[in-house]
Amino acid sequence: MKGVVSKVMGLYCTVYCDAIYINCVMRGKLRQLIEAGSKKFSNIIAVGDEVVITKLDDGSGVIEEILPRRNYFSRKEKGKHKKIDMIAANCDCVVAMQSFALPRLNLRFVDRIAVRCVEQNIPLVVCINKCDLAKKKDYEYVTNYYKSTDVTVIISSVNTSYNIHALQDILHQKTSVIVGYSGVGKTSILNAMYPQLSLVVGEVSGSTGKGKHTTTNVSMIIIDETTRIIDTPGLREFGIMDIEPHVLSKYFYEFDNYAPKCSFKPCTHDHEPDCEIKRLVQKGIICEERYISYRNILYSLKDYYATMYS
């Protein structure tokens, strides 16, 4: 039987198969084989993995095989011995959730998510919620930030239902990962799109302005047989420390398009003279704020790799 992993809890998984959920364990020999062959991941199976299982007489199951992944959405934090955390596998789309207020907008955080999406060839949608709290300058900032990219940006409000159906149309017939800070409205938007879910909504702390976790584990919500949502706990950080500095610019949408015009190849668009990216920033074609975000990530990666190999 073939199914898809909808939840992972230590050594146990829930697999959605033939319209039912089956509690499974992984075959011991399979687990040993995967652990021996893959040293870079902290987890050997992830939500979204397609698997082959054997159903037992008591209704539980055994995972016999993990089928090849099309892609995986992951993060890696600092630390020489830290491994890559697979958040989800076989994703058709990643939705990076932000809000205009409570908590405040942080597109530099989204840039790190975007790097991972480009590296894994996963389409990215940026959904900025609570537009009823936004001012004209906030809209202008977002428009300017992404003006040279092909990123899909959805401005939404749960309170007014603005663009809720537009986001729902994008997610239709896809396996989509929802990721962002706690408090941006991930759960509220899911409830607005799919009222039958009745998910518990958390509150934003009055003292910190940050959300409180309501989603505690990565889990797949089956909307129908073709539409699936992978809900994730709120993230405060998103590490991409497995990306080497000299390839970072490849994963910034607009940079890779213009890089062939740089005099130096490869060009990191930092210290090199006659750099096309820096020229376009000066002309206002590429947003300066986004370029600063790129350099901040570049320097953090350079520092990390210099320390790791010293």
Protein backbone atom coordinates (compact mmCIF):
# COMPACT_ATOMS: atom_id res chain seq x y z
CA MET A 1 0.00 0.00 0.00
CA LYS A 2 1.18 3.52 -0.81
CA GLY A 3 0.50 6.49 1.43
CA VAL A 4 1.83 9.87 2.56
CA VAL A 5 3.27 10.72 5.99
CA SER A 6 0.95 13.19 7.72
CA LYS A 7 2.69 13.37 11.10
CA VAL A 8 5.97 12.26 12.69
CA MET A 9 6.30 11.60 16.43
CA GLY A 10 9.73 10.18 17.20
CA LEU A 11 9.86 6.61 15.92
CA TYR A 12 6.16 6.65 15.05
CA CYS A 13 4.38 8.12 12.01
CA THR A 14 0.82 8.66 10.93
CA VAL A 15 0.34 7.72 7.29
CA TYR A 16 -2.66 8.78 5.20
CA CYS A 17 -3.57 5.88 2.95
CA ASP A 18 -6.78 5.05 1.09
CA ALA A 19 -8.68 7.85 2.87
CA ILE A 20 -7.77 6.64 6.39
CA TYR A 21 -4.99 7.42 8.87
CA ILE A 22 -2.78 4.51 9.91
CA ASN A 23 -0.34 4.62 12.83
CA CYS A 24 2.97 3.18 11.61
CA VAL A 25 6.49 2.36 12.66
CA MET A 26 9.45 2.10 10.33
CA ARG A 27 10.87 -1.32 9.55
CA GLY A 28 14.04 -1.68 11.66
CA LYS A 29 16.28 -2.70 8.76
CA LEU A 30 15.01 0.25 6.70
CA ARG A 31 15.74 2.69 9.52
CA GLN A 32 19.25 1.32 9.97
CA LEU A 33 19.92 1.49 6.23
CA ILE A 34 18.78 5.11 5.95
CA GLU A 35 20.64 6.21 9.08
CA ALA A 36 23.84 4.62 7.78
CA GLY A 37 23.51 6.25 4.35
CA SER A 38 22.48 9.77 5.37
CA LYS A 39 24.51 11.61 7.98
CA LYS A 40 23.41 15.16 7.11
CA PHE A 41 19.77 15.01 8.26
CA SER A 42 18.57 15.07 11.85
CA ASN A 43 15.44 13.15 10.84
CA ILE A 44 15.18 10.28 8.38
CA ILE A 45 11.51 10.74 7.55
CA ALA A 46 9.37 13.88 7.19
CA VAL A 47 5.78 14.93 6.74
CA GLY A 48 5.00 14.71 3.03
CA ASP A 49 7.18 11.68 2.42
CA GLU A 50 5.52 9.12 0.16
CA VAL A 51 5.89 5.63 1.60
CA VAL A 52 5.05 2.01 1.01
CA ILE A 53 3.49 0.32 4.03
CA THR A 54 2.23 -3.07 5.13
CA LYS A 55 -1.00 -2.96 7.10
CA LEU A 56 -1.12 -5.32 10.10
CA ASP A 57 -4.09 -7.23 11.47
CA ASP A 58 -4.48 -4.83 14.42
CA GLY A 59 -4.94 -1.86 12.06
CA SER A 60 -1.44 -0.42 12.52
CA GLY A 61 1.21 -0.45 9.82
CA VAL A 62 4.92 -0.87 9.05
CA ILE A 63 6.77 1.45 6.69
CA GLU A 64 8.69 -0.73 4.25
CA GLU A 65 10.05 1.93 1.89
CA ILE A 66 10.41 5.71 1.57
CA LEU A 67 9.94 6.66 -2.08
CA PRO A 68 12.37 9.12 -3.74
CA ARG A 69 11.66 12.77 -2.83
CA ARG A 70 10.98 15.44 -5.46
CA ASN A 71 12.31 18.06 -3.05
CA TYR A 72 12.45 18.85 0.64
CA PHE A 73 11.95 22.04 2.64
CA SER A 74 14.50 22.29 5.44
CA ARG A 75 16.56 24.51 7.69
CA LYS A 76 20.00 24.26 9.27
CA GLU A 77 21.04 26.35 12.25
CA LYS A 78 24.56 27.29 13.35
CA GLY A 79 26.81 24.65 14.88
CA LYS A 80 29.46 22.38 13.47
CA HIS A 81 27.59 19.29 14.61
CA LYS A 82 24.09 20.54 13.78
CA LYS A 83 22.33 18.56 11.08
CA ILE A 84 19.74 19.64 8.53
CA ASP A 85 16.17 19.54 9.84
CA MET A 86 13.73 18.35 7.18
CA ILE A 87 10.49 20.22 7.78
CA ALA A 88 8.53 18.72 4.89
CA ALA A 89 9.00 16.71 1.71
CA ASN A 90 7.47 16.70 -1.79
CA CYS A 91 6.19 20.28 -1.64
CA ASP A 92 4.39 22.01 -4.51
CA CYS A 93 4.45 25.39 -2.80
CA VAL A 94 5.74 27.19 0.31
CA VAL A 95 3.68 30.03 1.77
CA ALA A 96 5.80 32.39 3.87
CA MET A 97 3.34 34.08 6.21
CA GLN A 98 3.98 37.58 7.51
CA SER A 99 1.82 40.34 8.99
CA PHE A 100 1.90 44.11 8.80
CA ALA A 101 1.69 44.36 12.59
CA LEU A 102 1.61 42.21 15.73
CA PRO A 103 4.16 40.82 14.94
CA ARG A 104 5.78 43.38 12.67
CA LEU A 105 6.77 42.77 9.06
CA ASN A 106 10.20 41.20 8.50
CA LEU A 107 10.92 40.49 4.83
CA ARG A 108 14.57 39.70 5.58
CA PHE A 109 13.33 36.60 7.40
CA VAL A 110 11.37 35.70 4.25
CA ASP A 111 14.55 36.08 2.16
CA ARG A 112 16.08 33.13 4.00
CA ILE A 113 13.01 31.02 3.27
CA ALA A 114 13.18 32.16 -0.37
CA VAL A 115 16.79 30.99 -0.65
CA ARG A 116 15.77 27.50 0.45
CA CYS A 117 12.83 27.48 -1.96
CA VAL A 118 14.97 28.45 -4.96
CA GLU A 119 17.62 25.89 -4.00
CA GLN A 120 14.97 23.14 -3.92
CA ASN A 121 12.96 24.50 -6.87
CA ILE A 122 9.84 25.06 -4.76
CA PRO A 123 7.56 27.97 -5.77
CA LEU A 124 7.24 30.61 -3.04
CA VAL A 125 4.18 32.65 -2.14
CA VAL A 126 4.57 35.54 0.33
CA CYS A 127 1.31 36.15 2.17
CA ILE A 128 1.22 39.32 4.28
CA ASN A 129 -1.75 39.29 6.62
CA LYS A 130 -3.50 41.99 8.68
CA CYS A 131 -3.58 44.51 5.83
CA ASP A 132 -6.36 46.25 7.74
CA LEU A 133 -3.57 47.43 10.09
CA ALA A 134 -1.29 48.62 7.26
CA LYS A 135 -0.57 52.15 6.13
CA LYS A 136 0.14 53.39 2.61
CA LYS A 137 3.91 53.41 3.25
CA ASP A 138 3.74 49.72 4.26
CA TYR A 139 2.21 48.77 0.90
CA GLU A 140 4.84 50.86 -0.93
CA TYR A 141 7.64 49.16 1.00
CA VAL A 142 6.46 45.67 0.02
CA THR A 143 5.98 46.67 -3.64
CA ASN A 144 9.45 48.22 -3.78
CA TYR A 145 11.09 45.26 -2.01
CA TYR A 146 9.96 42.71 -4.58
CA LYS A 147 9.86 44.94 -7.68
CA SER A 148 12.57 43.04 -9.60
CA THR A 149 11.50 39.54 -8.60
CA ASP A 150 8.89 37.06 -9.76
CA VAL A 151 7.71 36.37 -6.21
CA THR A 152 3.94 36.03 -5.82
CA VAL A 153 2.76 38.38 -3.04
CA ILE A 154 -0.71 38.11 -1.52
CA ILE A 155 -1.90 40.93 0.75
CA SER A 156 -4.65 39.60 3.00
CA SER A 157 -6.87 40.24 5.99
CA VAL A 158 -8.83 37.65 7.95
CA ASN A 159 -10.90 40.42 9.56
CA THR A 160 -12.17 41.73 6.20
CA SER A 161 -11.76 38.43 4.24
CA TYR A 162 -9.63 40.34 1.72
CA ASN A 163 -7.80 37.96 -0.69
CA ILE A 164 -8.61 34.86 1.37
CA HIS A 165 -10.14 33.18 -1.68
CA ALA A 166 -7.19 34.30 -3.84
CA LEU A 167 -4.81 32.42 -1.55
CA GLN A 168 -7.16 29.44 -1.47
CA ASP A 169 -7.11 29.32 -5.28
CA ILE A 170 -3.30 29.24 -5.25
CA LEU A 171 -3.24 26.33 -2.80
CA HIS A 172 -5.88 24.32 -4.65
CA GLN A 173 -4.66 20.89 -5.81
CA LYS A 174 -1.22 21.40 -4.24
CA THR A 175 0.74 20.19 -1.23
CA SER A 176 1.63 23.50 0.41
CA VAL A 177 3.80 24.27 3.43
CA ILE A 178 2.67 27.19 5.64
CA VAL A 179 5.58 28.74 7.52
CA GLY A 180 6.12 31.91 9.56
CA TYR A 181 6.22 33.51 12.98
CA SER A 182 3.66 32.68 15.63
CA GLY A 183 0.92 35.29 15.66
CA VAL A 184 0.92 36.26 11.98
CA GLY A 185 -2.42 34.55 11.46
CA LYS A 186 -1.54 31.18 9.91
CA THR A 187 -4.26 29.34 11.80
CA SER A 188 -6.84 32.10 11.33
CA ILE A 189 -6.29 32.10 7.58
CA LEU A 190 -6.59 28.31 7.42
CA ASN A 191 -9.88 28.52 9.32
CA ALA A 192 -11.11 31.26 6.98
CA MET A 193 -10.24 29.21 3.88
CA TYR A 194 -11.45 25.91 5.30
CA PRO A 195 -14.06 26.54 8.04
CA GLN A 196 -14.54 22.81 8.60
CA LEU A 197 -11.09 22.62 10.25
CA SER A 198 -12.03 24.64 13.38
CA LEU A 199 -8.35 24.93 14.37
CA VAL A 200 -7.48 26.51 17.73
CA VAL A 201 -6.26 30.10 17.32
CA GLY A 202 -3.57 31.48 19.64
CA GLU A 203 -3.13 35.00 20.96
CA VAL A 204 -0.40 37.60 20.48
CA SER A 205 1.44 38.46 23.70
CA GLY A 206 0.74 42.00 24.84
CA SER A 207 4.22 42.32 26.38
CA THR A 208 6.35 40.99 23.49
CA GLY A 209 4.08 41.50 20.47
CA LYS A 210 4.89 37.94 19.45
CA GLY A 211 2.54 35.04 18.95
CA LYS A 212 2.14 32.01 21.15
CA HIS A 213 2.45 28.57 19.58
CA THR A 214 -0.80 26.77 18.77
CA THR A 215 0.73 24.34 16.26
CA THR A 216 3.21 22.17 18.17
CA ASN A 217 4.21 19.64 15.50
CA VAL A 218 4.51 19.67 11.75
CA SER A 219 1.36 18.03 10.46
CA MET A 220 -0.43 17.55 7.16
CA ILE A 221 -4.05 18.61 6.89
CA ILE A 222 -5.92 16.72 4.18
CA ILE A 223 -8.40 19.16 2.63
CA ASP A 224 -9.32 16.73 -0.14
CA GLU A 225 -7.53 14.11 -2.19
CA THR A 226 -5.56 16.74 -4.17
CA THR A 227 -5.22 19.66 -1.72
CA ARG A 228 -3.02 19.21 1.32
CA ILE A 229 -1.68 21.77 3.79
CA ILE A 230 1.46 21.14 5.85
CA ASP A 231 1.08 23.30 8.94
CA THR A 232 4.22 24.13 10.92
CA PRO A 233 4.91 25.54 14.40
CA GLY A 234 5.82 29.22 14.49
CA LEU A 235 9.48 29.85 13.70
CA ARG A 236 11.64 32.54 15.30
CA GLU A 237 14.67 31.77 13.13
CA PHE A 238 15.34 30.08 9.81
CA GLY A 239 18.91 28.90 9.31
CA ILE A 240 20.41 28.14 5.90
CA MET A 241 23.92 27.35 7.08
CA ASP A 242 24.32 24.50 4.58
CA ILE A 243 24.37 27.07 1.73
CA GLU A 244 27.95 27.99 0.82
CA PRO A 245 28.66 31.74 0.44
CA HIS A 246 29.87 31.63 -3.17
CA VAL A 247 26.56 30.17 -4.43
CA LEU A 248 24.18 32.32 -2.36
CA SER A 249 23.48 34.84 -5.13
CA LYS A 250 22.14 32.04 -7.36
CA TYR A 251 19.24 31.73 -4.95
CA PHE A 252 18.25 35.41 -5.00
CA TYR A 253 15.71 35.55 -7.83
CA GLU A 254 16.75 38.76 -9.58
CA PHE A 255 20.50 38.45 -8.94
CA ASP A 256 20.95 35.33 -11.03
CA ASN A 257 19.25 37.01 -14.00
CA TYR A 258 21.68 39.94 -14.08
CA ALA A 259 24.88 38.22 -12.83
CA PRO A 260 26.16 37.32 -16.35
CA LYS A 261 26.83 41.06 -16.89
CA CYS A 262 29.22 41.24 -13.93
CA SER A 263 32.91 41.57 -14.87
CA PHE A 264 34.01 38.91 -12.37
CA LYS A 265 32.66 35.38 -12.69
CA PRO A 266 31.69 34.12 -10.23
CA CYS A 267 30.82 37.41 -8.53
CA THR A 268 29.56 37.59 -4.95
CA HIS A 269 28.20 41.13 -5.61
CA ASP A 270 30.01 42.40 -2.53
CA HIS A 271 33.61 43.64 -2.92
CA GLU A 272 34.11 43.05 -6.66
CA PRO A 273 34.41 46.08 -8.96
CA ASP A 274 32.21 46.56 -12.04
CA CYS A 275 29.37 44.52 -10.53
CA GLU A 276 26.06 44.63 -12.37
CA ILE A 277 24.02 43.94 -9.24
CA LYS A 278 25.55 46.87 -7.35
CA ARG A 279 25.00 49.05 -10.41
CA LEU A 280 21.30 48.13 -10.51
CA VAL A 281 20.97 48.82 -6.78
CA GLN A 282 22.40 52.30 -7.33
CA LYS A 283 19.94 52.87 -10.19
CA GLY A 284 17.02 51.76 -7.97
CA ILE A 285 16.13 48.80 -10.19
CA ILE A 286 16.95 46.33 -7.41
CA CYS A 287 15.69 47.30 -3.96
CA GLU A 288 18.53 48.47 -1.70
CA GLU A 289 16.88 46.90 1.35
CA ARG A 290 16.84 43.51 -0.36
CA TYR A 291 20.49 43.91 -1.36
CA ILE A 292 21.36 44.71 2.28
CA SER A 293 19.48 41.57 3.29
CA TYR A 294 21.55 39.56 0.80
CA ARG A 295 24.81 40.95 2.20
CA ASN A 296 23.75 40.22 5.78
CA ILE A 297 23.11 36.58 4.86
CA LEU A 298 26.37 36.45 2.86
CA TYR A 299 28.44 37.73 5.79
CA SER A 300 26.76 35.35 8.25
CA LEU A 301 27.59 32.41 5.96
CA LYS A 302 31.18 33.59 5.47
CA ASP A 303 31.66 33.92 9.23
CA TYR A 304 30.10 30.50 9.83
CA TYR A 305 32.30 28.69 7.30
CA ALA A 306 35.44 30.54 8.40
CA THR A 307 34.80 29.44 11.99
CA MET A 308 33.87 25.89 11.00
CA TYR A 309 37.11 25.28 9.11
CA SER A 310 39.43 27.19 11.47
